[in-house]
Amino acid sequence: FTTEVWTPRGLTTIYTLFFIDLKTRRVHIAGSTTNPDESFMLQVARTLTDAVDGFLLPHRYLICDRDTKFTARFRHALKAAGVATLLTPYRAPDCNGYAEWFVRSIKEECFEHMIFFGLGPLRLALFEYVEHYNAERPHQGVGNVVLGGSPDSRPTPPDAVRCEERLGGLLRHYRRAA
């Protein structure tokens, strides 16, 4: 997805590449750049398939749209690491619904309320939102549970709940006080 950022040169479009594990709904930000060329994408492929901590390490398939950024060399680098690339049909955004939902969520819940001056604040907002999305935000499509949380069915007294904030209170999460 793209985000507009103010830089000394004026308004600049930043491209952010992310991946979602469909089983767990966990999001991984692969990188942000002003120029998503083939060298950027090859570096992303190397990082994703790293033998120690690559996001795609336990996966066999990557579903991606038909964007020209996913070049033949990118797909070949993934294939060499044992990850097959599956392309969605032409003009079928519903086939990549989880990605579309994440983009809508991050833009509506976070980016529409912020103006970025430089790449640093954008990266901070991306990091904070993904941490919120992965570990604090309940996911209705997965039984309304928090992905990184632990289920707790004990009744909560009214004074035992505390609010945790991210990005200056833009993102809020409520949890039981210890």
N, C-alpha and C. Protein backbone atom coordinates (compact mmCIF):
# COMPACT_ATOMS: atom_id res chain seq x y z
N PHE A 1 0.84 -1.17 0.00
CA PHE A 1 0.00 0.00 0.00
C PHE A 1 0.89 1.23 0.00
N THR A 2 0.31 2.36 -0.30
CA THR A 2 1.08 3.59 -0.38
C THR A 2 0.64 4.55 0.72
N THR A 3 1.59 5.41 1.11
CA THR A 3 1.35 6.45 2.10
C THR A 3 2.06 7.71 1.63
N GLU A 4 1.40 8.84 1.79
CA GLU A 4 2.02 10.12 1.44
C GLU A 4 2.77 10.66 2.65
N VAL A 5 4.03 11.05 2.43
CA VAL A 5 4.91 11.53 3.50
C VAL A 5 5.54 12.85 3.05
N TRP A 6 5.56 13.82 3.97
CA TRP A 6 6.23 15.09 3.68
C TRP A 6 7.73 14.92 3.92
N THR A 7 8.54 15.32 2.94
CA THR A 7 9.99 15.29 3.04
C THR A 7 10.52 16.66 2.63
N PRO A 8 11.82 16.92 2.78
CA PRO A 8 12.37 18.20 2.33
C PRO A 8 12.12 18.48 0.84
N ARG A 9 11.90 17.43 0.05
CA ARG A 9 11.61 17.59 -1.38
C ARG A 9 10.14 17.79 -1.68
N GLY A 10 9.31 17.72 -0.67
CA GLY A 10 7.87 17.86 -0.86
C GLY A 10 7.16 16.56 -0.51
N LEU A 11 5.95 16.44 -1.00
CA LEU A 11 5.13 15.26 -0.73
C LEU A 11 5.67 14.07 -1.52
N THR A 12 5.96 12.97 -0.82
CA THR A 12 6.56 11.79 -1.44
C THR A 12 5.68 10.58 -1.16
N THR A 13 5.55 9.72 -2.15
CA THR A 13 4.80 8.48 -1.98
C THR A 13 5.74 7.39 -1.50
N ILE A 14 5.36 6.76 -0.38
CA ILE A 14 6.13 5.65 0.18
C ILE A 14 5.33 4.37 -0.03
N TYR A 15 5.99 3.36 -0.56
CA TYR A 15 5.38 2.05 -0.79
C TYR A 15 5.77 1.13 0.36
N THR A 16 4.78 0.51 0.99
CA THR A 16 5.03 -0.43 2.08
C THR A 16 4.60 -1.81 1.65
N LEU A 17 5.50 -2.76 1.83
CA LEU A 17 5.22 -4.15 1.47
C LEU A 17 5.03 -4.95 2.75
N PHE A 18 3.94 -5.69 2.83
CA PHE A 18 3.64 -6.48 4.02
C PHE A 18 3.17 -7.86 3.61
N PHE A 19 3.25 -8.78 4.57
CA PHE A 19 2.80 -10.15 4.35
C PHE A 19 1.95 -10.57 5.54
N ILE A 20 0.97 -11.44 5.29
CA ILE A 20 0.06 -11.93 6.32
C ILE A 20 0.09 -13.45 6.31
N ASP A 21 0.23 -14.04 7.48
CA ASP A 21 0.07 -15.48 7.64
C ASP A 21 -1.44 -15.72 7.73
N LEU A 22 -2.02 -16.38 6.76
CA LEU A 22 -3.47 -16.54 6.72
C LEU A 22 -4.01 -17.37 7.88
N LYS A 23 -3.23 -18.31 8.37
CA LYS A 23 -3.71 -19.15 9.47
C LYS A 23 -3.80 -18.37 10.77
N THR A 24 -2.78 -17.58 11.08
CA THR A 24 -2.75 -16.87 12.35
C THR A 24 -3.14 -15.41 12.24
N ARG A 25 -3.23 -14.87 11.03
CA ARG A 25 -3.53 -13.46 10.74
C ARG A 25 -2.42 -12.52 11.20
N ARG A 26 -1.24 -13.04 11.50
CA ARG A 26 -0.12 -12.19 11.91
C ARG A 26 0.43 -11.46 10.70
N VAL A 27 0.73 -10.18 10.89
CA VAL A 27 1.23 -9.33 9.81
C VAL A 27 2.72 -9.10 10.01
N HIS A 28 3.45 -9.07 8.90
CA HIS A 28 4.88 -8.79 8.91
C HIS A 28 5.14 -7.68 7.89
N ILE A 29 5.75 -6.59 8.35
CA ILE A 29 6.13 -5.51 7.43
C ILE A 29 7.49 -5.86 6.84
N ALA A 30 7.55 -6.01 5.53
CA ALA A 30 8.79 -6.41 4.87
C ALA A 30 9.67 -5.21 4.56
N GLY A 31 9.09 -4.03 4.42
CA GLY A 31 9.89 -2.84 4.15
C GLY A 31 9.07 -1.72 3.54
N SER A 32 9.66 -0.53 3.58
CA SER A 32 9.05 0.65 2.98
C SER A 32 10.11 1.35 2.14
N THR A 33 9.71 1.85 0.99
CA THR A 33 10.65 2.50 0.09
C THR A 33 9.93 3.48 -0.82
N THR A 34 10.69 4.41 -1.37
CA THR A 34 10.12 5.32 -2.37
C THR A 34 10.19 4.71 -3.76
N ASN A 35 11.02 3.69 -3.93
CA ASN A 35 11.23 3.10 -5.23
C ASN A 35 11.26 1.57 -5.11
N PRO A 36 10.11 0.91 -5.22
CA PRO A 36 10.09 -0.54 -5.07
C PRO A 36 10.57 -1.26 -6.33
N ASP A 37 11.86 -1.11 -6.63
CA ASP A 37 12.41 -1.73 -7.83
C ASP A 37 12.80 -3.18 -7.57
N GLU A 38 13.39 -3.81 -8.58
CA GLU A 38 13.70 -5.23 -8.49
C GLU A 38 14.74 -5.52 -7.41
N SER A 39 15.71 -4.64 -7.21
CA SER A 39 16.72 -4.89 -6.17
C SER A 39 16.08 -4.86 -4.78
N PHE A 40 15.13 -3.94 -4.54
CA PHE A 40 14.41 -3.91 -3.27
C PHE A 40 13.65 -5.21 -3.06
N MET A 41 12.97 -5.66 -4.09
CA MET A 41 12.16 -6.87 -3.99
C MET A 41 13.04 -8.11 -3.78
N LEU A 42 14.22 -8.16 -4.41
CA LEU A 42 15.11 -9.29 -4.19
C LEU A 42 15.64 -9.31 -2.76
N GLN A 43 15.91 -8.14 -2.21
CA GLN A 43 16.34 -8.08 -0.81
C GLN A 43 15.21 -8.54 0.11
N VAL A 44 14.00 -8.15 -0.21
CA VAL A 44 12.84 -8.61 0.58
C VAL A 44 12.74 -10.13 0.51
N ALA A 45 12.92 -10.70 -0.68
CA ALA A 45 12.84 -12.16 -0.83
C ALA A 45 13.92 -12.84 0.00
N ARG A 46 15.14 -12.30 0.01
CA ARG A 46 16.21 -12.88 0.82
C ARG A 46 15.87 -12.79 2.31
N THR A 47 15.32 -11.67 2.74
CA THR A 47 14.97 -11.49 4.15
C THR A 47 13.83 -12.42 4.56
N LEU A 48 12.84 -12.56 3.71
CA LEU A 48 11.68 -13.41 4.03
C LEU A 48 12.04 -14.88 4.12
N THR A 49 13.04 -15.30 3.36
CA THR A 49 13.41 -16.72 3.32
C THR A 49 14.70 -17.00 4.09
N ASP A 50 15.12 -16.08 4.94
CA ASP A 50 16.32 -16.28 5.74
C ASP A 50 16.19 -17.57 6.55
N ALA A 51 17.26 -18.35 6.59
CA ALA A 51 17.21 -19.66 7.25
C ALA A 51 17.06 -19.58 8.76
N VAL A 52 17.35 -18.44 9.36
CA VAL A 52 17.27 -18.32 10.81
C VAL A 52 15.93 -17.75 11.26
N ASP A 53 15.54 -16.61 10.71
CA ASP A 53 14.32 -15.96 11.19
C ASP A 53 13.44 -15.40 10.07
N GLY A 54 13.46 -16.02 8.93
CA GLY A 54 12.62 -15.56 7.81
C GLY A 54 11.14 -15.78 8.08
N PHE A 55 10.33 -14.80 7.73
CA PHE A 55 8.89 -14.88 7.96
C PHE A 55 8.27 -16.05 7.20
N LEU A 56 8.80 -16.34 6.00
CA LEU A 56 8.23 -17.42 5.19
C LEU A 56 8.86 -18.78 5.48
N LEU A 57 9.70 -18.87 6.49
CA LEU A 57 10.41 -20.11 6.80
C LEU A 57 9.47 -21.30 6.96
N PRO A 58 8.40 -21.20 7.75
CA PRO A 58 7.54 -22.38 7.90
C PRO A 58 6.46 -22.50 6.83
N HIS A 59 6.51 -21.70 5.78
CA HIS A 59 5.44 -21.69 4.78
C HIS A 59 5.92 -22.28 3.45
N ARG A 60 4.98 -22.85 2.72
CA ARG A 60 5.30 -23.41 1.40
C ARG A 60 4.75 -22.57 0.27
N TYR A 61 3.76 -21.70 0.55
CA TYR A 61 3.12 -20.93 -0.51
C TYR A 61 3.04 -19.45 -0.14
N LEU A 62 3.14 -18.61 -1.14
CA LEU A 62 2.93 -17.18 -0.99
C LEU A 62 1.89 -16.78 -2.03
N ILE A 63 0.79 -16.22 -1.57
CA ILE A 63 -0.25 -15.73 -2.48
C ILE A 63 -0.01 -14.24 -2.65
N CYS A 64 0.14 -13.79 -3.88
CA CYS A 64 0.33 -12.36 -4.12
C CYS A 64 -0.47 -11.94 -5.34
N ASP A 65 -0.72 -10.65 -5.41
CA ASP A 65 -1.48 -10.15 -6.56
C ASP A 65 -0.55 -10.04 -7.77
N ARG A 66 -1.08 -9.54 -8.84
CA ARG A 66 -0.32 -9.50 -10.10
C ARG A 66 0.42 -8.18 -10.30
N ASP A 67 0.78 -7.53 -9.22
CA ASP A 67 1.55 -6.30 -9.30
C ASP A 67 2.89 -6.58 -9.97
N THR A 68 3.35 -5.65 -10.77
CA THR A 68 4.60 -5.84 -11.51
C THR A 68 5.81 -5.87 -10.58
N LYS A 69 5.65 -5.49 -9.33
CA LYS A 69 6.76 -5.55 -8.38
C LYS A 69 7.16 -6.99 -8.08
N PHE A 70 6.23 -7.92 -8.17
CA PHE A 70 6.53 -9.32 -7.95
C PHE A 70 7.08 -9.92 -9.24
N THR A 71 8.33 -9.60 -9.52
CA THR A 71 8.97 -9.97 -10.78
C THR A 71 9.28 -11.46 -10.83
N ALA A 72 9.71 -11.91 -12.00
CA ALA A 72 10.11 -13.31 -12.17
C ALA A 72 11.31 -13.63 -11.28
N ARG A 73 12.25 -12.71 -11.13
CA ARG A 73 13.42 -12.94 -10.28
C ARG A 73 13.00 -13.05 -8.81
N PHE A 74 12.02 -12.26 -8.39
CA PHE A 74 11.50 -12.34 -7.02
C PHE A 74 10.90 -13.71 -6.79
N ARG A 75 10.04 -14.14 -7.72
CA ARG A 75 9.39 -15.45 -7.59
C ARG A 75 10.41 -16.58 -7.64
N HIS A 76 11.44 -16.42 -8.46
CA HIS A 76 12.49 -17.45 -8.56
C HIS A 76 13.28 -17.54 -7.25
N ALA A 77 13.57 -16.41 -6.63
CA ALA A 77 14.29 -16.41 -5.35
C ALA A 77 13.47 -17.13 -4.28
N LEU A 78 12.16 -16.93 -4.28
CA LEU A 78 11.30 -17.63 -3.33
C LEU A 78 11.25 -19.12 -3.63
N LYS A 79 11.16 -19.44 -4.91
CA LYS A 79 11.09 -20.84 -5.32
C LYS A 79 12.37 -21.59 -4.92
N ALA A 80 13.52 -20.92 -5.05
CA ALA A 80 14.78 -21.53 -4.65
C ALA A 80 14.82 -21.85 -3.16
N ALA A 81 14.06 -21.10 -2.37
CA ALA A 81 13.98 -21.34 -0.94
C ALA A 81 12.85 -22.29 -0.56
N GLY A 82 12.13 -22.81 -1.56
CA GLY A 82 11.07 -23.77 -1.29
C GLY A 82 9.69 -23.16 -1.11
N VAL A 83 9.50 -21.91 -1.53
CA VAL A 83 8.21 -21.24 -1.39
C VAL A 83 7.63 -21.01 -2.79
N ALA A 84 6.51 -21.64 -3.08
CA ALA A 84 5.86 -21.47 -4.38
C ALA A 84 5.00 -20.21 -4.34
N THR A 85 4.98 -19.48 -5.45
CA THR A 85 4.20 -18.26 -5.54
C THR A 85 2.92 -18.54 -6.31
N LEU A 86 1.79 -18.18 -5.71
CA LEU A 86 0.49 -18.31 -6.36
C LEU A 86 -0.04 -16.92 -6.63
N LEU A 87 -0.44 -16.66 -7.86
CA LEU A 87 -0.95 -15.34 -8.24
C LEU A 87 -2.47 -15.32 -8.20
N THR A 88 -3.02 -14.23 -7.69
CA THR A 88 -4.48 -14.08 -7.69
C THR A 88 -4.95 -13.80 -9.11
N PRO A 89 -6.21 -14.06 -9.40
CA PRO A 89 -6.73 -13.75 -10.74
C PRO A 89 -6.71 -12.25 -11.01
N TYR A 90 -6.77 -11.89 -12.27
CA TYR A 90 -6.80 -10.48 -12.67
C TYR A 90 -8.06 -9.82 -12.12
N ARG A 91 -7.92 -8.59 -11.66
CA ARG A 91 -9.04 -7.76 -11.20
C ARG A 91 -9.95 -8.49 -10.22
N ALA A 92 -9.34 -9.15 -9.23
CA ALA A 92 -10.12 -9.89 -8.24
C ALA A 92 -9.61 -9.58 -6.83
N PRO A 93 -9.90 -8.38 -6.32
CA PRO A 93 -9.38 -8.03 -5.00
C PRO A 93 -9.95 -8.89 -3.88
N ASP A 94 -11.11 -9.51 -4.10
CA ASP A 94 -11.69 -10.36 -3.07
C ASP A 94 -10.86 -11.63 -2.86
N CYS A 95 -10.04 -12.00 -3.82
CA CYS A 95 -9.20 -13.18 -3.67
C CYS A 95 -8.04 -12.94 -2.72
N ASN A 96 -7.81 -11.69 -2.37
CA ASN A 96 -6.75 -11.35 -1.44
C ASN A 96 -7.38 -10.52 -0.31
N GLY A 97 -8.50 -11.02 0.20
CA GLY A 97 -9.31 -10.27 1.14
C GLY A 97 -8.63 -9.93 2.45
N TYR A 98 -7.79 -10.81 2.97
CA TYR A 98 -7.12 -10.52 4.24
C TYR A 98 -6.17 -9.33 4.09
N ALA A 99 -5.47 -9.28 2.97
CA ALA A 99 -4.57 -8.16 2.73
C ALA A 99 -5.37 -6.87 2.55
N GLU A 100 -6.47 -6.93 1.81
CA GLU A 100 -7.30 -5.75 1.62
C GLU A 100 -7.86 -5.26 2.95
N TRP A 101 -8.24 -6.19 3.82
CA TRP A 101 -8.79 -5.82 5.12
C TRP A 101 -7.72 -5.15 5.98
N PHE A 102 -6.49 -5.69 5.95
CA PHE A 102 -5.40 -5.08 6.74
C PHE A 102 -5.12 -3.66 6.25
N VAL A 103 -5.06 -3.45 4.94
CA VAL A 103 -4.80 -2.11 4.41
C VAL A 103 -5.90 -1.16 4.85
N ARG A 104 -7.14 -1.60 4.76
CA ARG A 104 -8.25 -0.75 5.19
C ARG A 104 -8.14 -0.43 6.68
N SER A 105 -7.80 -1.44 7.48
CA SER A 105 -7.68 -1.24 8.93
C SER A 105 -6.59 -0.25 9.28
N ILE A 106 -5.40 -0.42 8.72
CA ILE A 106 -4.29 0.46 9.10
C ILE A 106 -4.54 1.89 8.63
N LYS A 107 -5.17 2.03 7.48
CA LYS A 107 -5.44 3.39 6.99
C LYS A 107 -6.55 4.06 7.80
N GLU A 108 -7.64 3.36 8.08
CA GLU A 108 -8.76 3.97 8.80
C GLU A 108 -8.46 4.17 10.28
N GLU A 109 -7.81 3.21 10.91
CA GLU A 109 -7.57 3.30 12.35
C GLU A 109 -6.35 4.13 12.71
N CYS A 110 -5.45 4.32 11.76
CA CYS A 110 -4.18 4.97 12.11
C CYS A 110 -3.81 6.10 11.14
N PHE A 111 -3.54 5.77 9.90
CA PHE A 111 -2.94 6.73 8.98
C PHE A 111 -3.83 7.91 8.62
N GLU A 112 -5.15 7.74 8.63
CA GLU A 112 -6.05 8.86 8.32
C GLU A 112 -6.01 9.93 9.40
N HIS A 113 -5.45 9.62 10.55
CA HIS A 113 -5.39 10.56 11.67
C HIS A 113 -4.00 11.15 11.86
N MET A 114 -3.09 10.88 10.92
CA MET A 114 -1.70 11.31 11.10
C MET A 114 -1.18 11.98 9.84
N ILE A 115 -0.23 12.89 10.03
CA ILE A 115 0.54 13.48 8.93
C ILE A 115 1.98 13.13 9.21
N PHE A 116 2.65 12.52 8.24
CA PHE A 116 4.02 12.07 8.44
C PHE A 116 5.01 13.06 7.84
N PHE A 117 6.00 13.43 8.64
CA PHE A 117 7.10 14.28 8.20
C PHE A 117 8.36 13.44 8.22
N GLY A 118 8.62 12.74 7.15
CA GLY A 118 9.79 11.89 7.04
C GLY A 118 9.45 10.42 7.18
N LEU A 119 10.42 9.60 6.81
CA LEU A 119 10.23 8.16 6.82
C LEU A 119 10.27 7.58 8.24
N GLY A 120 11.01 8.21 9.16
CA GLY A 120 11.11 7.72 10.53
C GLY A 120 9.77 7.64 11.25
N PRO A 121 8.98 8.73 11.25
CA PRO A 121 7.66 8.64 11.89
C PRO A 121 6.73 7.61 11.24
N LEU A 122 6.84 7.45 9.92
CA LEU A 122 6.03 6.43 9.25
C LEU A 122 6.42 5.05 9.73
N ARG A 123 7.72 4.77 9.81
CA ARG A 123 8.18 3.46 10.28
C ARG A 123 7.75 3.21 11.72
N LEU A 124 7.81 4.23 12.56
CA LEU A 124 7.37 4.09 13.95
C LEU A 124 5.88 3.76 14.00
N ALA A 125 5.07 4.47 13.21
CA ALA A 125 3.63 4.20 13.19
C ALA A 125 3.35 2.80 12.66
N LEU A 126 4.08 2.37 11.64
CA LEU A 126 3.91 1.01 11.12
C LEU A 126 4.23 -0.02 12.19
N PHE A 127 5.37 0.16 12.88
CA PHE A 127 5.77 -0.77 13.92
C PHE A 127 4.72 -0.82 15.03
N GLU A 128 4.29 0.34 15.51
CA GLU A 128 3.32 0.38 16.61
C GLU A 128 1.98 -0.23 16.19
N TYR A 129 1.52 0.07 14.97
CA TYR A 129 0.23 -0.47 14.54
C TYR A 129 0.31 -1.99 14.38
N VAL A 130 1.40 -2.49 13.80
CA VAL A 130 1.51 -3.94 13.61
C VAL A 130 1.61 -4.65 14.96
N GLU A 131 2.31 -4.05 15.92
CA GLU A 131 2.34 -4.63 17.27
C GLU A 131 0.93 -4.66 17.87
N HIS A 132 0.20 -3.58 17.69
CA HIS A 132 -1.19 -3.51 18.17
C HIS A 132 -2.05 -4.55 17.46
N TYR A 133 -1.91 -4.64 16.15
CA TYR A 133 -2.71 -5.56 15.33
C TYR A 133 -2.42 -7.02 15.71
N ASN A 134 -1.14 -7.34 15.90
CA ASN A 134 -0.76 -8.73 16.17
C ASN A 134 -0.98 -9.16 17.62
N ALA A 135 -0.85 -8.25 18.58
CA ALA A 135 -0.84 -8.68 19.97
C ALA A 135 -1.95 -8.11 20.84
N GLU A 136 -2.68 -7.12 20.37
CA GLU A 136 -3.67 -6.48 21.23
C GLU A 136 -5.07 -6.40 20.64
N ARG A 137 -5.18 -6.32 19.35
CA ARG A 137 -6.46 -6.08 18.70
C ARG A 137 -7.22 -7.39 18.53
N PRO A 138 -8.48 -7.48 19.02
CA PRO A 138 -9.25 -8.70 18.81
C PRO A 138 -9.62 -8.87 17.33
N HIS A 139 -9.56 -10.09 16.85
CA HIS A 139 -9.87 -10.40 15.46
C HIS A 139 -11.17 -11.17 15.40
N GLN A 140 -12.19 -10.53 14.86
CA GLN A 140 -13.51 -11.15 14.83
C GLN A 140 -13.54 -12.39 13.95
N GLY A 141 -12.72 -12.42 12.90
CA GLY A 141 -12.69 -13.57 12.01
C GLY A 141 -12.04 -14.80 12.62
N VAL A 142 -11.39 -14.63 13.78
CA VAL A 142 -10.74 -15.75 14.46
C VAL A 142 -11.39 -15.93 15.83
N GLY A 143 -12.71 -15.82 15.89
CA GLY A 143 -13.44 -16.01 17.13
C GLY A 143 -13.34 -14.84 18.10
N ASN A 144 -13.03 -13.66 17.59
CA ASN A 144 -12.91 -12.43 18.38
C ASN A 144 -11.87 -12.56 19.49
N VAL A 145 -10.78 -13.26 19.19
CA VAL A 145 -9.70 -13.42 20.16
C VAL A 145 -8.52 -12.54 19.76
N VAL A 146 -7.70 -12.23 20.74
CA VAL A 146 -6.46 -11.49 20.49
C VAL A 146 -5.42 -12.50 20.04
N LEU A 147 -4.74 -12.22 18.94
CA LEU A 147 -3.82 -13.19 18.36
C LEU A 147 -2.69 -13.57 19.30
N GLY A 148 -2.07 -12.59 19.95
CA GLY A 148 -0.94 -12.88 20.81
C GLY A 148 -1.32 -12.96 22.27
N GLY A 149 -2.58 -12.87 22.59
CA GLY A 149 -3.02 -12.85 23.98
C GLY A 149 -3.36 -14.23 24.48
N SER A 150 -3.63 -14.29 25.77
CA SER A 150 -4.04 -15.56 26.37
C SER A 150 -5.51 -15.45 26.78
N PRO A 151 -6.30 -16.46 26.47
CA PRO A 151 -7.71 -16.39 26.84
C PRO A 151 -7.86 -16.41 28.35
N ASP A 152 -8.75 -15.57 28.86
CA ASP A 152 -9.01 -15.47 30.29
C ASP A 152 -10.50 -15.27 30.47
N SER A 153 -11.16 -16.26 31.05
CA SER A 153 -12.62 -16.20 31.15
C SER A 153 -13.09 -15.78 32.54
N ARG A 154 -12.17 -15.40 33.43
CA ARG A 154 -12.60 -14.98 34.77
C ARG A 154 -13.36 -13.67 34.69
N PRO A 155 -14.38 -13.48 35.53
CA PRO A 155 -15.07 -12.19 35.55
C PRO A 155 -14.13 -11.10 36.04
N THR A 156 -14.28 -9.92 35.49
CA THR A 156 -13.40 -8.81 35.81
C THR A 156 -14.11 -7.80 36.68
N PRO A 157 -13.56 -7.49 37.87
CA PRO A 157 -14.13 -6.40 38.66
C PRO A 157 -13.96 -5.09 37.89
N PRO A 158 -14.88 -4.13 38.07
CA PRO A 158 -14.81 -2.90 37.28
C PRO A 158 -13.52 -2.11 37.47
N ASP A 159 -12.87 -2.22 38.62
CA ASP A 159 -11.66 -1.43 38.85
C ASP A 159 -10.39 -2.17 38.46
N ALA A 160 -10.47 -3.37 37.90
CA ALA A 160 -9.29 -4.15 37.58
C ALA A 160 -8.92 -4.07 36.10
N VAL A 161 -9.42 -3.10 35.37
CA VAL A 161 -9.11 -2.96 33.95
C VAL A 161 -8.25 -1.71 33.77
N ARG A 162 -7.19 -1.85 32.98
CA ARG A 162 -6.36 -0.68 32.70
C ARG A 162 -6.24 -0.48 31.20
N CYS A 163 -6.05 0.75 30.83
CA CYS A 163 -5.95 1.13 29.42
C CYS A 163 -4.48 1.30 29.06
N GLU A 164 -4.08 0.69 27.95
CA GLU A 164 -2.74 0.87 27.41
C GLU A 164 -2.87 1.57 26.07
N GLU A 165 -2.03 2.56 25.85
CA GLU A 165 -2.12 3.38 24.63
C GLU A 165 -0.87 3.24 23.78
N ARG A 166 -1.07 3.42 22.50
CA ARG A 166 0.03 3.50 21.52
C ARG A 166 -0.22 4.73 20.66
N LEU A 167 0.85 5.28 20.15
CA LEU A 167 0.79 6.44 19.25
C LEU A 167 0.01 7.60 19.87
N GLY A 168 0.35 7.90 21.12
CA GLY A 168 -0.26 9.05 21.79
C GLY A 168 -1.74 8.90 22.08
N GLY A 169 -2.22 7.69 22.22
CA GLY A 169 -3.62 7.46 22.53
C GLY A 169 -4.48 7.16 21.31
N LEU A 170 -3.89 7.19 20.13
CA LEU A 170 -4.65 6.88 18.92
C LEU A 170 -5.12 5.43 18.93
N LEU A 171 -4.25 4.53 19.37
CA LEU A 171 -4.60 3.12 19.49
C LEU A 171 -4.69 2.79 20.97
N ARG A 172 -5.79 2.19 21.38
CA ARG A 172 -5.98 1.85 22.78
C ARG A 172 -6.32 0.38 22.91
N HIS A 173 -5.86 -0.16 24.02
CA HIS A 173 -6.12 -1.56 24.33
C HIS A 173 -6.40 -1.66 25.82
N TYR A 174 -7.39 -2.41 26.20
CA TYR A 174 -7.76 -2.56 27.59
C TYR A 174 -7.44 -3.99 28.02
N ARG A 175 -6.78 -4.10 29.18
CA ARG A 175 -6.45 -5.43 29.70
C ARG A 175 -6.60 -5.45 31.20
N ARG A 176 -6.63 -6.65 31.75
CA ARG A 176 -6.77 -6.82 33.18
C ARG A 176 -5.50 -6.35 33.88
N ALA A 177 -5.66 -5.66 34.99
CA ALA A 177 -4.52 -5.26 35.81
C ALA A 177 -3.99 -6.47 36.54
N ALA A 178 -2.68 -6.56 36.68
CA ALA A 178 -2.08 -7.72 37.36
C ALA A 178 -2.23 -7.60 38.86
